[in-house]
Amino acid sequence: MHVHKFSGVTSYDVGHRHQYVGVTEPAPSGVPHTHRYFTFTSFDDGHRHEIRGVTGPAIPLPGGGHYHEFSGVTTTSGRIPHSHRYSGKTSG
């Protein structure tokens, strides 16, 4: 079993953006797999959003190991209700 770190910055919407950082849920090593992930964004402009989803499949790295790509849309929040887009790659 193993996990990956992930982090990034959301899209800029309604005059602001959010940062996020987290660790995926564990998944088996040595077999094709994905990871579920969940975290909250930073608290900006008086609110925060949830980020959750499932990564894409493992992408091999030249020196060994692998990473995963992820993307999605946050939950809706804020005094002007809105969401943000996000995407990135996990740690290897």
C-alpha atoms as a PDB file:
ATOM      1  CA  MET A   1       0.000   0.000   0.000  1.00  0.00           C
ATOM      2  CA  HIS A   2       1.119   3.558  -0.630  1.00  0.00           C
ATOM      3  CA  VAL A   3      -0.139   7.171  -0.769  1.00  0.00           C
ATOM      4  CA  HIS A   4       0.776  10.334  -2.687  1.00  0.00           C
ATOM      5  CA  LYS A   5       0.893  13.989  -1.695  1.00  0.00           C
ATOM      6  CA  PHE A   6      -0.964  16.518  -3.824  1.00  0.00           C
ATOM      7  CA  SER A   7      -1.268  20.306  -3.800  1.00  0.00           C
ATOM      8  CA  GLY A   8      -2.144  23.217  -6.018  1.00  0.00           C
ATOM      9  CA  VAL A   9      -4.099  26.404  -6.578  1.00  0.00           C
ATOM     10  CA  THR A  10      -7.673  26.622  -7.840  1.00  0.00           C
ATOM     11  CA  SER A  11      -8.951  28.695 -10.727  1.00  0.00           C
ATOM     12  CA  TYR A  12      -9.556  32.418 -10.157  1.00  0.00           C
ATOM     13  CA  ASP A  13     -13.292  33.017  -9.747  1.00  0.00           C
ATOM     14  CA  VAL A  14     -15.359  35.768  -8.070  1.00  0.00           C
ATOM     15  CA  GLY A  15     -12.185  37.773  -7.383  1.00  0.00           C
ATOM     16  CA  HIS A  16     -10.090  35.139  -5.601  1.00  0.00           C
ATOM     17  CA  ARG A  17      -8.487  31.700  -5.694  1.00  0.00           C
ATOM     18  CA  HIS A  18      -7.697  29.058  -3.043  1.00  0.00           C
ATOM     19  CA  GLN A  19      -4.710  26.849  -2.264  1.00  0.00           C
ATOM     20  CA  TYR A  20      -5.029  23.198  -1.302  1.00  0.00           C
ATOM     21  CA  VAL A  21      -2.802  20.407  -0.016  1.00  0.00           C
ATOM     22  CA  GLY A  22      -3.537  16.807   0.920  1.00  0.00           C
ATOM     23  CA  VAL A  23      -2.594  13.135   0.865  1.00  0.00           C
ATOM     24  CA  THR A  24      -4.450  10.502  -1.163  1.00  0.00           C
ATOM     25  CA  GLU A  25      -6.076   7.461   0.392  1.00  0.00           C
ATOM     26  CA  PRO A  26      -3.895   4.315   0.332  1.00  0.00           C
ATOM     27  CA  ALA A  27      -3.921   2.029  -2.730  1.00  0.00           C
ATOM     28  CA  PRO A  28      -2.117  -1.253  -3.514  1.00  0.00           C
ATOM     29  CA  SER A  29       1.453  -1.109  -4.827  1.00  0.00           C
ATOM     30  CA  GLY A  30       2.646  -2.985  -7.918  1.00  0.00           C
ATOM     31  CA  VAL A  31      -0.751  -3.308  -9.633  1.00  0.00           C
ATOM     32  CA  PRO A  32      -2.854  -0.964 -11.808  1.00  0.00           C
ATOM     33  CA  HIS A  33      -4.699   1.386  -9.440  1.00  0.00           C
ATOM     34  CA  THR A  34      -6.185   4.805  -8.712  1.00  0.00           C
ATOM     35  CA  HIS A  35      -6.490   6.740  -5.436  1.00  0.00           C
ATOM     36  CA  ARG A  36      -9.401   8.547  -3.834  1.00  0.00           C
ATOM     37  CA  TYR A  37      -8.551  12.005  -2.491  1.00  0.00           C
ATOM     38  CA  PHE A  38     -10.235  14.565  -0.251  1.00  0.00           C
ATOM     39  CA  THR A  39      -9.184  17.872   1.299  1.00  0.00           C
ATOM     40  CA  PHE A  40     -10.418  21.386   2.009  1.00  0.00           C
ATOM     41  CA  THR A  41      -9.130  24.497   0.282  1.00  0.00           C
ATOM     42  CA  SER A  42      -7.555  27.378   2.176  1.00  0.00           C
ATOM     43  CA  PHE A  43      -9.969  29.798   3.885  1.00  0.00           C
ATOM     44  CA  ASP A  44     -10.102  32.852   1.622  1.00  0.00           C
ATOM     45  CA  ASP A  45     -12.713  35.561   1.104  1.00  0.00           C
ATOM     46  CA  GLY A  46     -14.611  34.241   4.156  1.00  0.00           C
ATOM     47  CA  HIS A  47     -15.100  30.627   3.034  1.00  0.00           C
ATOM     48  CA  ARG A  48     -13.531  27.364   1.902  1.00  0.00           C
ATOM     49  CA  HIS A  49     -14.465  24.542  -0.493  1.00  0.00           C
ATOM     50  CA  GLU A  50     -14.182  20.742  -0.490  1.00  0.00           C
ATOM     51  CA  ILE A  51     -12.063  18.977  -3.075  1.00  0.00           C
ATOM     52  CA  ARG A  52     -12.677  15.270  -3.630  1.00  0.00           C
ATOM     53  CA  GLY A  53     -12.385  12.740  -6.404  1.00  0.00           C
ATOM     54  CA  VAL A  54     -10.455   9.814  -7.843  1.00  0.00           C
ATOM     55  CA  THR A  55      -7.088  10.155  -9.569  1.00  0.00           C
ATOM     56  CA  GLY A  56      -6.361   8.833 -13.002  1.00  0.00           C
ATOM     57  CA  PRO A  57      -4.312   5.633 -13.409  1.00  0.00           C
ATOM     58  CA  ALA A  58      -0.643   5.380 -12.442  1.00  0.00           C
ATOM     59  CA  ILE A  59       1.786   7.005 -14.914  1.00  0.00           C
ATOM     60  CA  PRO A  60       5.300   5.488 -14.723  1.00  0.00           C
ATOM     61  CA  LEU A  61       8.306   7.725 -14.035  1.00  0.00           C
ATOM     62  CA  PRO A  62      11.576   7.130 -15.979  1.00  0.00           C
ATOM     63  CA  GLY A  63      13.603   6.409 -12.826  1.00  0.00           C
ATOM     64  CA  GLY A  64      10.949   4.182 -11.260  1.00  0.00           C
ATOM     65  CA  GLY A  65       7.841   4.942  -9.285  1.00  0.00           C
ATOM     66  CA  HIS A  66       4.782   6.680 -10.684  1.00  0.00           C
ATOM     67  CA  TYR A  67       2.421   9.626 -10.301  1.00  0.00           C
ATOM     68  CA  HIS A  68      -1.275  10.297 -10.963  1.00  0.00           C
ATOM     69  CA  GLU A  69      -3.134  13.172 -12.601  1.00  0.00           C
ATOM     70  CA  PHE A  70      -6.272  14.615 -11.016  1.00  0.00           C
ATOM     71  CA  SER A  71      -8.820  17.311 -11.828  1.00  0.00           C
ATOM     72  CA  GLY A  72     -12.287  18.426 -10.887  1.00  0.00           C
ATOM     73  CA  VAL A  73     -14.525  21.152  -9.537  1.00  0.00           C
ATOM     74  CA  THR A  74     -14.805  22.158  -5.882  1.00  0.00           C
ATOM     75  CA  THR A  75     -18.041  22.214  -3.925  1.00  0.00           C
ATOM     76  CA  THR A  76     -20.086  25.417  -4.108  1.00  0.00           C
ATOM     77  CA  SER A  77     -19.551  27.931  -1.291  1.00  0.00           C
ATOM     78  CA  GLY A  78     -19.161  31.658  -0.544  1.00  0.00           C
ATOM     79  CA  ARG A  79     -21.426  34.660   0.018  1.00  0.00           C
ATOM     80  CA  ILE A  80     -21.732  34.736  -3.783  1.00  0.00           C
ATOM     81  CA  PRO A  81     -22.164  30.976  -4.324  1.00  0.00           C
ATOM     82  CA  HIS A  82     -19.501  29.661  -6.694  1.00  0.00           C
ATOM     83  CA  SER A  83     -17.058  26.817  -7.309  1.00  0.00           C
ATOM     84  CA  HIS A  84     -13.496  26.598  -8.644  1.00  0.00           C
ATOM     85  CA  ARG A  85     -11.743  24.285 -11.089  1.00  0.00           C
ATOM     86  CA  TYR A  86      -8.539  22.504 -10.081  1.00  0.00           C
ATOM     87  CA  SER A  87      -6.064  20.068 -11.639  1.00  0.00           C
ATOM     88  CA  GLY A  88      -2.595  18.725 -11.036  1.00  0.00           C
ATOM     89  CA  LYS A  89      -0.250  15.789 -10.590  1.00  0.00           C
ATOM     90  CA  THR A  90       0.483  13.891  -7.390  1.00  0.00           C
ATOM     91  CA  SER A  91       3.954  13.382  -5.994  1.00  0.00           C
ATOM     92  CA  GLY A  92       5.864  10.415  -7.427  1.00  0.00           C
END
